Amino acid sequence: LVQAGGSLRLSCAASRSTLRSYTMAWYRQAPGKQRELVA
């Protein structure tokens, strides 16, 4: 939870395989909405 104007850093850690050869992305899904690509 953060106030408007604030900052957060999300992390995504992988196991079982290296991420080196993968395209990585962040998606988000708000209530009642479709999942969308963020970055």
PDB file of all heavy atoms in Angstrom:
ATOM      1  N   LEU A   1       0.854  -1.188   0.000  1.00  0.00           N
ATOM      2  CA  LEU A   1       0.000   0.000   0.000  1.00  0.00           C
ATOM      3  C   LEU A   1       0.889   1.238   0.000  1.00  0.00           C
ATOM      4  O   LEU A   1       1.808   1.345   0.828  1.00  0.00           O
ATOM      5  CB  LEU A   1      -0.896  -0.011   1.230  1.00  0.00           C
ATOM      6  CG  LEU A   1      -1.759   1.229   1.476  1.00  0.00           C
ATOM      7  CD1 LEU A   1      -2.762   1.416   0.343  1.00  0.00           C
ATOM      8  CD2 LEU A   1      -2.464   1.108   2.824  1.00  0.00           C
ATOM      9  N   VAL A   2       0.610   2.154  -0.904  1.00  0.00           N
ATOM     10  CA  VAL A   2       1.398   3.376  -1.004  1.00  0.00           C
ATOM     11  C   VAL A   2       0.471   4.532  -1.354  1.00  0.00           C
ATOM     12  O   VAL A   2      -0.570   4.333  -1.995  1.00  0.00           O
ATOM     13  CB  VAL A   2       2.513   3.210  -2.067  1.00  0.00           C
ATOM     14  CG1 VAL A   2       1.922   2.998  -3.445  1.00  0.00           C
ATOM     15  CG2 VAL A   2       3.472   4.382  -2.055  1.00  0.00           C
ATOM     16  N   GLN A   3       0.839   5.716  -0.924  1.00  0.00           N
ATOM     17  CA  GLN A   3       0.050   6.894  -1.257  1.00  0.00           C
ATOM     18  C   GLN A   3       0.339   7.348  -2.683  1.00  0.00           C
ATOM     19  O   GLN A   3       1.431   7.103  -3.225  1.00  0.00           O
ATOM     20  CB  GLN A   3       0.358   8.029  -0.281  1.00  0.00           C
ATOM     21  CG  GLN A   3      -0.215   7.818   1.105  1.00  0.00           C
ATOM     22  CD  GLN A   3      -0.065   9.052   1.977  1.00  0.00           C
ATOM     23  OE1 GLN A   3       0.842   9.863   1.778  1.00  0.00           O
ATOM     24  NE2 GLN A   3      -0.957   9.205   2.946  1.00  0.00           N
ATOM     25  N   ALA A   4      -0.613   8.023  -3.271  1.00  0.00           N
ATOM     26  CA  ALA A   4      -0.421   8.584  -4.603  1.00  0.00           C
ATOM     27  C   ALA A   4       0.826   9.471  -4.618  1.00  0.00           C
ATOM     28  O   ALA A   4       1.067  10.231  -3.667  1.00  0.00           O
ATOM     29  CB  ALA A   4      -1.641   9.379  -5.022  1.00  0.00           C
ATOM     30  N   GLY A   5       1.603   9.336  -5.677  1.00  0.00           N
ATOM     31  CA  GLY A   5       2.858  10.062  -5.782  1.00  0.00           C
ATOM     32  C   GLY A   5       4.053   9.303  -5.252  1.00  0.00           C
ATOM     33  O   GLY A   5       5.201   9.710  -5.470  1.00  0.00           O
ATOM     34  N   GLY A   6       3.801   8.210  -4.573  1.00  0.00           N
ATOM     35  CA  GLY A   6       4.870   7.419  -3.992  1.00  0.00           C
ATOM     36  C   GLY A   6       5.489   6.451  -4.976  1.00  0.00           C
ATOM     37  O   GLY A   6       5.147   6.441  -6.168  1.00  0.00           O
ATOM     38  N   SER A   7       6.408   5.632  -4.447  1.00  0.00           N
ATOM     39  CA  SER A   7       7.155   4.690  -5.279  1.00  0.00           C
ATOM     40  C   SER A   7       7.157   3.306  -4.654  1.00  0.00           C
ATOM     41  O   SER A   7       7.044   3.162  -3.424  1.00  0.00           O
ATOM     42  CB  SER A   7       8.607   5.164  -5.444  1.00  0.00           C
ATOM     43  OG  SER A   7       8.669   6.412  -6.073  1.00  0.00           O
ATOM     44  N   LEU A   8       7.290   2.313  -5.513  1.00  0.00           N
ATOM     45  CA  LEU A   8       7.470   0.927  -5.093  1.00  0.00           C
ATOM     46  C   LEU A   8       8.387   0.247  -6.101  1.00  0.00           C
ATOM     47  O   LEU A   8       8.413   0.638  -7.279  1.00  0.00           O
ATOM     48  CB  LEU A   8       6.145   0.158  -5.061  1.00  0.00           C
ATOM     49  CG  LEU A   8       5.192   0.339  -3.888  1.00  0.00           C
ATOM     50  CD1 LEU A   8       3.899  -0.421  -4.155  1.00  0.00           C
ATOM     51  CD2 LEU A   8       5.827  -0.109  -2.589  1.00  0.00           C
ATOM     52  N   ARG A   9       9.113  -0.769  -5.641  1.00  0.00           N
ATOM     53  CA  ARG A   9       9.882  -1.591  -6.565  1.00  0.00           C
ATOM     54  C   ARG A   9       9.439  -3.037  -6.421  1.00  0.00           C
ATOM     55  O   ARG A   9       9.539  -3.619  -5.334  1.00  0.00           O
ATOM     56  CB  ARG A   9      11.386  -1.484  -6.314  1.00  0.00           C
ATOM     57  CG  ARG A   9      12.188  -2.174  -7.404  1.00  0.00           C
ATOM     58  CD  ARG A   9      13.673  -2.041  -7.250  1.00  0.00           C
ATOM     59  NE  ARG A   9      14.218  -2.974  -6.281  1.00  0.00           N
ATOM     60  CZ  ARG A   9      15.485  -3.371  -6.259  1.00  0.00           C
ATOM     61  NH1 ARG A   9      16.329  -2.921  -7.185  1.00  0.00           N
ATOM     62  NH2 ARG A   9      15.909  -4.213  -5.338  1.00  0.00           N
ATOM     63  N   LEU A  10       8.965  -3.578  -7.512  1.00  0.00           N
ATOM     64  CA  LEU A  10       8.590  -4.983  -7.544  1.00  0.00           C
ATOM     65  C   LEU A  10       9.770  -5.815  -8.016  1.00  0.00           C
ATOM     66  O   LEU A  10      10.543  -5.381  -8.869  1.00  0.00           O
ATOM     67  CB  LEU A  10       7.407  -5.208  -8.484  1.00  0.00           C
ATOM     68  CG  LEU A  10       6.151  -4.382  -8.224  1.00  0.00           C
ATOM     69  CD1 LEU A  10       5.048  -4.797  -9.207  1.00  0.00           C
ATOM     70  CD2 LEU A  10       5.685  -4.515  -6.795  1.00  0.00           C
ATOM     71  N   SER A  11       9.865  -7.011  -7.457  1.00  0.00           N
ATOM     72  CA  SER A  11      10.902  -7.957  -7.869  1.00  0.00           C
ATOM     73  C   SER A  11      10.243  -9.251  -8.306  1.00  0.00           C
ATOM     74  O   SER A  11       9.210  -9.653  -7.766  1.00  0.00           O
ATOM     75  CB  SER A  11      11.859  -8.237  -6.711  1.00  0.00           C
ATOM     76  OG  SER A  11      12.508  -7.063  -6.290  1.00  0.00           O
ATOM     77  N   CYS A  12      10.884  -9.907  -9.236  1.00  0.00           N
ATOM     78  CA  CYS A  12      10.419 -11.212  -9.716  1.00  0.00           C
ATOM     79  C   CYS A  12      11.645 -12.120  -9.770  1.00  0.00           C
ATOM     80  O   CYS A  12      12.526 -11.925 -10.613  1.00  0.00           O
ATOM     81  CB  CYS A  12       9.785 -11.079 -11.089  1.00  0.00           C
ATOM     82  SG  CYS A  12       9.387 -12.645 -11.882  1.00  0.00           S
ATOM     83  N   ALA A  13      11.678 -13.065  -8.863  1.00  0.00           N
ATOM     84  CA  ALA A  13      12.810 -13.978  -8.776  1.00  0.00           C
ATOM     85  C   ALA A  13      12.435 -15.316  -9.396  1.00  0.00           C
ATOM     86  O   ALA A  13      11.323 -15.826  -9.201  1.00  0.00           O
ATOM     87  CB  ALA A  13      13.210 -14.176  -7.320  1.00  0.00           C
ATOM     88  N   ALA A  14      13.382 -15.872 -10.132  1.00  0.00           N
ATOM     89  CA  ALA A  14      13.119 -17.131 -10.831  1.00  0.00           C
ATOM     90  C   ALA A  14      13.916 -18.272 -10.233  1.00  0.00           C
ATOM     91  O   ALA A  14      15.039 -18.076  -9.747  1.00  0.00           O
ATOM     92  CB  ALA A  14      13.466 -16.986 -12.297  1.00  0.00           C
ATOM     93  N   SER A  15      13.330 -19.438 -10.293  1.00  0.00           N
ATOM     94  CA  SER A  15      14.038 -20.651  -9.884  1.00  0.00           C
ATOM     95  C   SER A  15      13.772 -21.728 -10.929  1.00  0.00           C
ATOM     96  O   SER A  15      12.925 -21.569 -11.808  1.00  0.00           O
ATOM     97  CB  SER A  15      13.575 -21.119  -8.506  1.00  0.00           C
ATOM     98  OG  SER A  15      12.194 -21.401  -8.506  1.00  0.00           O
ATOM     99  N   ARG A  16      14.497 -22.802 -10.855  1.00  0.00           N
ATOM    100  CA  ARG A  16      14.414 -23.963 -11.749  1.00  0.00           C
ATOM    101  C   ARG A  16      15.043 -23.722 -13.106  1.00  0.00           C
ATOM    102  O   ARG A  16      15.350 -24.658 -13.816  1.00  0.00           O
ATOM    103  CB  ARG A  16      12.971 -24.442 -11.955  1.00  0.00           C
ATOM    104  CG  ARG A  16      12.295 -24.954 -10.710  1.00  0.00           C
ATOM    105  CD  ARG A  16      10.935 -25.528 -11.049  1.00  0.00           C
ATOM    106  NE  ARG A  16      10.221 -25.956  -9.875  1.00  0.00           N
ATOM    107  CZ  ARG A  16       8.969 -26.366  -9.889  1.00  0.00           C
ATOM    108  NH1 ARG A  16       8.309 -26.396 -11.020  1.00  0.00           N
ATOM    109  NH2 ARG A  16       8.373 -26.748  -8.780  1.00  0.00           N
ATOM    110  N   SER A  17      15.193 -22.453 -13.496  1.00  0.00           N
ATOM    111  CA  SER A  17      15.795 -22.190 -14.784  1.00  0.00           C
ATOM    112  C   SER A  17      16.329 -20.769 -14.802  1.00  0.00           C
ATOM    113  O   SER A  17      15.842 -19.904 -14.084  1.00  0.00           O
ATOM    114  CB  SER A  17      14.768 -22.369 -15.901  1.00  0.00           C
ATOM    115  OG  SER A  17      15.350 -22.139 -17.165  1.00  0.00           O
ATOM    116  N   THR A  18      17.323 -20.520 -15.644  1.00  0.00           N
ATOM    117  CA  THR A  18      17.834 -19.170 -15.793  1.00  0.00           C
ATOM    118  C   THR A  18      16.909 -18.342 -16.661  1.00  0.00           C
ATOM    119  O   THR A  18      16.290 -18.843 -17.596  1.00  0.00           O
ATOM    120  CB  THR A  18      19.251 -19.203 -16.397  1.00  0.00           C
ATOM    121  OG1 THR A  18      19.677 -17.861 -16.586  1.00  0.00           O
ATOM    122  CG2 THR A  18      19.242 -19.912 -17.745  1.00  0.00           C
ATOM    123  N   LEU A  19      16.826 -17.050 -16.352  1.00  0.00           N
ATOM    124  CA  LEU A  19      15.974 -16.140 -17.115  1.00  0.00           C
ATOM    125  C   LEU A  19      16.693 -15.531 -18.313  1.00  0.00           C
ATOM    126  O   LEU A  19      16.074 -14.807 -19.087  1.00  0.00           O
ATOM    127  CB  LEU A  19      15.477 -15.013 -16.207  1.00  0.00           C
ATOM    128  CG  LEU A  19      14.509 -15.398 -15.087  1.00  0.00           C
ATOM    129  CD1 LEU A  19      14.126 -14.146 -14.315  1.00  0.00           C
ATOM    130  CD2 LEU A  19      13.288 -16.101 -15.636  1.00  0.00           C
ATOM    131  N   ARG A  20      17.951 -15.838 -18.466  1.00  0.00           N
ATOM    132  CA  ARG A  20      18.789 -15.144 -19.435  1.00  0.00           C
ATOM    133  C   ARG A  20      18.205 -15.129 -20.843  1.00  0.00           C
ATOM    134  O   ARG A  20      18.313 -14.134 -21.548  1.00  0.00           O
ATOM    135  CB  ARG A  20      20.181 -15.775 -19.451  1.00  0.00           C
ATOM    136  CG  ARG A  20      21.230 -15.006 -20.230  1.00  0.00           C
ATOM    137  CD  ARG A  20      22.577 -15.686 -20.100  1.00  0.00           C
ATOM    138  NE  ARG A  20      22.986 -15.787 -18.714  1.00  0.00           N
ATOM    139  CZ  ARG A  20      23.628 -14.833 -18.058  1.00  0.00           C
ATOM    140  NH1 ARG A  20      23.931 -13.709 -18.668  1.00  0.00           N
ATOM    141  NH2 ARG A  20      23.965 -15.014 -16.787  1.00  0.00           N
ATOM    142  N   SER A  21      17.592 -16.215 -21.251  1.00  0.00           N
ATOM    143  CA  SER A  21      17.106 -16.320 -22.625  1.00  0.00           C
ATOM    144  C   SER A  21      15.612 -16.038 -22.761  1.00  0.00           C
ATOM    145  O   SER A  21      15.046 -16.242 -23.834  1.00  0.00           O
ATOM    146  CB  SER A  21      17.408 -17.718 -23.169  1.00  0.00           C
ATOM    147  OG  SER A  21      16.743 -18.697 -22.386  1.00  0.00           O
ATOM    148  N   TYR A  22      14.993 -15.565 -21.688  1.00  0.00           N
ATOM    149  CA  TYR A  22      13.566 -15.290 -21.710  1.00  0.00           C
ATOM    150  C   TYR A  22      13.284 -13.812 -21.934  1.00  0.00           C
ATOM    151  O   TYR A  22      14.025 -12.944 -21.449  1.00  0.00           O
ATOM    152  CB  TYR A  22      12.915 -15.694 -20.385  1.00  0.00           C
ATOM    153  CG  TYR A  22      12.726 -17.191 -20.220  1.00  0.00           C
ATOM    154  CD1 TYR A  22      13.797 -18.005 -19.856  1.00  0.00           C
ATOM    155  CD2 TYR A  22      11.485 -17.777 -20.407  1.00  0.00           C
ATOM    156  CE1 TYR A  22      13.626 -19.375 -19.698  1.00  0.00           C
ATOM    157  CE2 TYR A  22      11.306 -19.138 -20.245  1.00  0.00           C
ATOM    158  CZ  TYR A  22      12.384 -19.929 -19.891  1.00  0.00           C
ATOM    159  OH  TYR A  22      12.201 -21.270 -19.733  1.00  0.00           O
ATOM    160  N   THR A  23      12.194 -13.528 -22.623  1.00  0.00           N
ATOM    161  CA  THR A  23      11.610 -12.191 -22.594  1.00  0.00           C
ATOM    162  C   THR A  23      10.788 -12.105 -21.316  1.00  0.00           C
ATOM    163  O   THR A  23       9.949 -12.959 -21.060  1.00  0.00           O
ATOM    164  CB  THR A  23      10.710 -11.954 -23.814  1.00  0.00           C
ATOM    165  OG1 THR A  23      11.537 -11.860 -24.979  1.00  0.00           O
ATOM    166  CG2 THR A  23       9.926 -10.658 -23.661  1.00  0.00           C
ATOM    167  N   MET A  24      11.041 -11.056 -20.550  1.00  0.00           N
ATOM    168  CA  MET A  24      10.376 -10.892 -19.270  1.00  0.00           C
ATOM    169  C   MET A  24       9.399  -9.722 -19.348  1.00  0.00           C
ATOM    170  O   MET A  24       9.652  -8.727 -20.028  1.00  0.00           O
ATOM    171  CB  MET A  24      11.391 -10.637 -18.158  1.00  0.00           C
ATOM    172  CG  MET A  24      12.427 -11.735 -17.997  1.00  0.00           C
ATOM    173  SD  MET A  24      11.668 -13.309 -17.577  1.00  0.00           S
ATOM    174  CE  MET A  24      10.855 -12.910 -16.037  1.00  0.00           C
ATOM    175  N   ALA A  25       8.323  -9.840 -18.621  1.00  0.00           N
ATOM    176  CA  ALA A  25       7.317  -8.777 -18.662  1.00  0.00           C
ATOM    177  C   ALA A  25       6.586  -8.694 -17.333  1.00  0.00           C
ATOM    178  O   ALA A  25       6.545  -9.654 -16.563  1.00  0.00           O
ATOM    179  CB  ALA A  25       6.319  -9.030 -19.788  1.00  0.00           C
ATOM    180  N   TRP A  26       6.023  -7.535 -17.113  1.00  0.00           N
ATOM    181  CA  TRP A  26       5.095  -7.310 -16.001  1.00  0.00           C
ATOM    182  C   TRP A  26       3.731  -6.993 -16.602  1.00  0.00           C
ATOM    183  O   TRP A  26       3.616  -6.161 -17.513  1.00  0.00           O
ATOM    184  CB  TRP A  26       5.544  -6.150 -15.118  1.00  0.00           C
ATOM    185  CG  TRP A  26       6.716  -6.472 -14.266  1.00  0.00           C
ATOM    186  CD1 TRP A  26       8.033  -6.222 -14.539  1.00  0.00           C
ATOM    187  CD2 TRP A  26       6.696  -7.099 -12.979  1.00  0.00           C
ATOM    188  NE1 TRP A  26       8.828  -6.658 -13.514  1.00  0.00           N
ATOM    189  CE2 TRP A  26       8.031  -7.197 -12.528  1.00  0.00           C
ATOM    190  CE3 TRP A  26       5.688  -7.584 -12.146  1.00  0.00           C
ATOM    191  CZ2 TRP A  26       8.376  -7.766 -11.296  1.00  0.00           C
ATOM    192  CZ3 TRP A  26       6.022  -8.137 -10.927  1.00  0.00           C
ATOM    193  CH2 TRP A  26       7.355  -8.233 -10.513  1.00  0.00           C
ATOM    194  N   TYR A  27       2.725  -7.667 -16.091  1.00  0.00           N
ATOM    195  CA  TYR A  27       1.340  -7.410 -16.431  1.00  0.00           C
ATOM    196  C   TYR A  27       0.619  -6.989 -15.160  1.00  0.00           C
ATOM    197  O   TYR A  27       1.110  -7.212 -14.044  1.00  0.00           O
ATOM    198  CB  TYR A  27       0.677  -8.663 -16.992  1.00  0.00           C
ATOM    199  CG  TYR A  27       1.112  -9.059 -18.377  1.00  0.00           C
ATOM    200  CD1 TYR A  27       2.352  -9.642 -18.611  1.00  0.00           C
ATOM    201  CD2 TYR A  27       0.272  -8.854 -19.472  1.00  0.00           C
ATOM    202  CE1 TYR A  27       2.748 -10.015 -19.892  1.00  0.00           C
ATOM    203  CE2 TYR A  27       0.652  -9.227 -20.752  1.00  0.00           C
ATOM    204  CZ  TYR A  27       1.886  -9.805 -20.949  1.00  0.00           C
ATOM    205  OH  TYR A  27       2.266 -10.172 -22.214  1.00  0.00           O
ATOM    206  N   ARG A  28      -0.559  -6.421 -15.327  1.00  0.00           N
ATOM    207  CA  ARG A  28      -1.378  -6.116 -14.169  1.00  0.00           C
ATOM    208  C   ARG A  28      -2.843  -6.351 -14.494  1.00  0.00           C
ATOM    209  O   ARG A  28      -3.260  -6.288 -15.647  1.00  0.00           O
ATOM    210  CB  ARG A  28      -1.156  -4.678 -13.686  1.00  0.00           C
ATOM    211  CG  ARG A  28      -1.642  -3.589 -14.636  1.00  0.00           C
ATOM    212  CD  ARG A  28      -1.220  -2.229 -14.110  1.00  0.00           C
ATOM    213  NE  ARG A  28      -1.677  -1.152 -14.989  1.00  0.00           N
ATOM    214  CZ  ARG A  28      -1.331   0.119 -14.842  1.00  0.00           C
ATOM    215  NH1 ARG A  28      -0.509   0.475 -13.852  1.00  0.00           N
ATOM    216  NH2 ARG A  28      -1.799   1.037 -15.674  1.00  0.00           N
ATOM    217  N   GLN A  29      -3.591  -6.605 -13.439  1.00  0.00           N
ATOM    218  CA  GLN A  29      -5.025  -6.814 -13.590  1.00  0.00           C
ATOM    219  C   GLN A  29      -5.745  -6.137 -12.440  1.00  0.00           C
ATOM    220  O   GLN A  29      -5.551  -6.500 -11.274  1.00  0.00           O
ATOM    221  CB  GLN A  29      -5.370  -8.302 -13.625  1.00  0.00           C
ATOM    222  CG  GLN A  29      -6.822  -8.577 -13.961  1.00  0.00           C
ATOM    223  CD  GLN A  29      -7.071 -10.033 -14.311  1.00  0.00           C
ATOM    224  OE1 GLN A  29      -6.292 -10.917 -13.983  1.00  0.00           O
ATOM    225  NE2 GLN A  29      -8.171 -10.286 -15.000  1.00  0.00           N
ATOM    226  N   ALA A  30      -6.550  -5.160 -12.805  1.00  0.00           N
ATOM    227  CA  ALA A  30      -7.365  -4.453 -11.827  1.00  0.00           C
ATOM    228  C   ALA A  30      -8.717  -5.153 -11.709  1.00  0.00           C
ATOM    229  O   ALA A  30      -9.138  -5.857 -12.636  1.00  0.00           O
ATOM    230  CB  ALA A  30      -7.542  -3.000 -12.240  1.00  0.00           C
ATOM    231  N   PRO A  31      -9.420  -4.963 -10.597  1.00  0.00           N
ATOM    232  CA  PRO A  31     -10.722  -5.619 -10.431  1.00  0.00           C
ATOM    233  C   PRO A  31     -11.667  -5.273 -11.571  1.00  0.00           C
ATOM    234  O   PRO A  31     -11.822  -4.111 -11.931  1.00  0.00           O
ATOM    235  CB  PRO A  31     -11.217  -5.049  -9.098  1.00  0.00           C
ATOM    236  CG  PRO A  31      -9.984  -4.687  -8.358  1.00  0.00           C
ATOM    237  CD  PRO A  31      -9.011  -4.211  -9.400  1.00  0.00           C
ATOM    238  N   GLY A  32     -12.268  -6.300 -12.158  1.00  0.00           N
ATOM    239  CA  GLY A  32     -13.238  -6.094 -13.217  1.00  0.00           C
ATOM    240  C   GLY A  32     -12.643  -5.766 -14.570  1.00  0.00           C
ATOM    241  O   GLY A  32     -13.383  -5.471 -15.517  1.00  0.00           O
ATOM    242  N   LYS A  33     -11.315  -5.805 -14.656  1.00  0.00           N
ATOM    243  CA  LYS A  33     -10.661  -5.470 -15.922  1.00  0.00           C
ATOM    244  C   LYS A  33      -9.821  -6.634 -16.419  1.00  0.00           C
ATOM    245  O   LYS A  33      -9.460  -7.534 -15.657  1.00  0.00           O
ATOM    246  CB  LYS A  33      -9.798  -4.224 -15.758  1.00  0.00           C
ATOM    247  CG  LYS A  33     -10.586  -2.964 -15.464  1.00  0.00           C
ATOM    248  CD  LYS A  33      -9.690  -1.735 -15.501  1.00  0.00           C
ATOM    249  CE  LYS A  33     -10.481  -0.467 -15.274  1.00  0.00           C
ATOM    250  NZ  LYS A  33      -9.622   0.750 -15.340  1.00  0.00           N
ATOM    251  N   GLN A  34      -9.465  -6.578 -17.699  1.00  0.00           N
ATOM    252  CA  GLN A  34      -8.610  -7.607 -18.276  1.00  0.00           C
ATOM    253  C   GLN A  34      -7.159  -7.365 -17.872  1.00  0.00           C
ATOM    254  O   GLN A  34      -6.748  -6.232 -17.593  1.00  0.00           O
ATOM    255  CB  GLN A  34      -8.734  -7.597 -19.799  1.00  0.00           C
ATOM    256  CG  GLN A  34     -10.072  -8.110 -20.307  1.00  0.00           C
ATOM    257  CD  GLN A  34     -10.080  -8.285 -21.821  1.00  0.00           C
ATOM    258  OE1 GLN A  34      -9.388  -7.578 -22.533  1.00  0.00           O
ATOM    259  NE2 GLN A  34     -10.859  -9.250 -22.299  1.00  0.00           N
ATOM    260  N   ARG A  35      -6.407  -8.441 -17.883  1.00  0.00           N
ATOM    261  CA  ARG A  35      -4.976  -8.319 -17.630  1.00  0.00           C
ATOM    262  C   ARG A  35      -4.350  -7.545 -18.784  1.00  0.00           C
ATOM    263  O   ARG A  35      -4.653  -7.789 -19.951  1.00  0.00           O
ATOM    264  CB  ARG A  35      -4.356  -9.706 -17.511  1.00  0.00           C
ATOM    265  CG  ARG A  35      -2.937  -9.714 -16.993  1.00  0.00           C
ATOM    266  CD  ARG A  35      -2.448 -11.125 -16.722  1.00  0.00           C
ATOM    267  NE  ARG A  35      -3.210 -11.778 -15.665  1.00  0.00           N
ATOM    268  CZ  ARG A  35      -2.870 -12.949 -15.129  1.00  0.00           C
ATOM    269  NH1 ARG A  35      -1.772 -13.582 -15.547  1.00  0.00           N
ATOM    270  NH2 ARG A  35      -3.624 -13.484 -14.186  1.00  0.00           N
ATOM    271  N   GLU A  36      -3.436  -6.615 -18.431  1.00  0.00           N
ATOM    272  CA  GLU A  36      -2.813  -5.790 -19.453  1.00  0.00           C
ATOM    273  C   GLU A  36      -1.299  -5.773 -19.270  1.00  0.00           C
ATOM    274  O   GLU A  36      -0.783  -5.875 -18.145  1.00  0.00           O
ATOM    275  CB  GLU A  36      -3.345  -4.349 -19.394  1.00  0.00           C
ATOM    276  CG  GLU A  36      -3.055  -3.613 -18.111  1.00  0.00           C
ATOM    277  CD  GLU A  36      -3.502  -2.151 -18.134  1.00  0.00           C
ATOM    278  OE1 GLU A  36      -3.985  -1.692 -19.184  1.00  0.00           O
ATOM    279  OE2 GLU A  36      -3.328  -1.480 -17.105  1.00  0.00           O
ATOM    280  N   LEU A  37      -0.605  -5.612 -20.381  1.00  0.00           N
ATOM    281  CA  LEU A  37       0.843  -5.505 -20.344  1.00  0.00           C
ATOM    282  C   LEU A  37       1.243  -4.154 -19.775  1.00  0.00           C
ATOM    283  O   LEU A  37       0.731  -3.117 -20.200  1.00  0.00           O
ATOM    284  CB  LEU A  37       1.417  -5.667 -21.749  1.00  0.00           C
ATOM    285  CG  LEU A  37       2.927  -5.459 -21.886  1.00  0.00           C
ATOM    286  CD1 LEU A  37       3.696  -6.564 -21.178  1.00  0.00           C
ATOM    287  CD2 LEU A  37       3.322  -5.396 -23.359  1.00  0.00           C
ATOM    288  N   VAL A  38       2.187  -4.168 -18.850  1.00  0.00           N
ATOM    289  CA  VAL A  38       2.717  -2.933 -18.269  1.00  0.00           C
ATOM    290  C   VAL A  38       4.068  -2.603 -18.895  1.00  0.00           C
ATOM    291  O   VAL A  38       4.296  -1.484 -19.347  1.00  0.00           O
ATOM    292  CB  VAL A  38       2.864  -3.073 -16.750  1.00  0.00           C
ATOM    293  CG1 VAL A  38       3.524  -1.838 -16.154  1.00  0.00           C
ATOM    294  CG2 VAL A  38       1.516  -3.327 -16.089  1.00  0.00           C
ATOM    295  N   ALA A  39       4.963  -3.578 -18.891  1.00  0.00           N
ATOM    296  CA  ALA A  39       6.310  -3.350 -19.408  1.00  0.00           C
ATOM    297  C   ALA A  39       6.923  -4.682 -19.794  1.00  0.00           C
ATOM    298  O   ALA A  39       6.596  -5.716 -19.209  1.00  0.00           O
ATOM    299  CB  ALA A  39       7.186  -2.662 -18.369  1.00  0.00           C
TER     300      ALA A  39
END
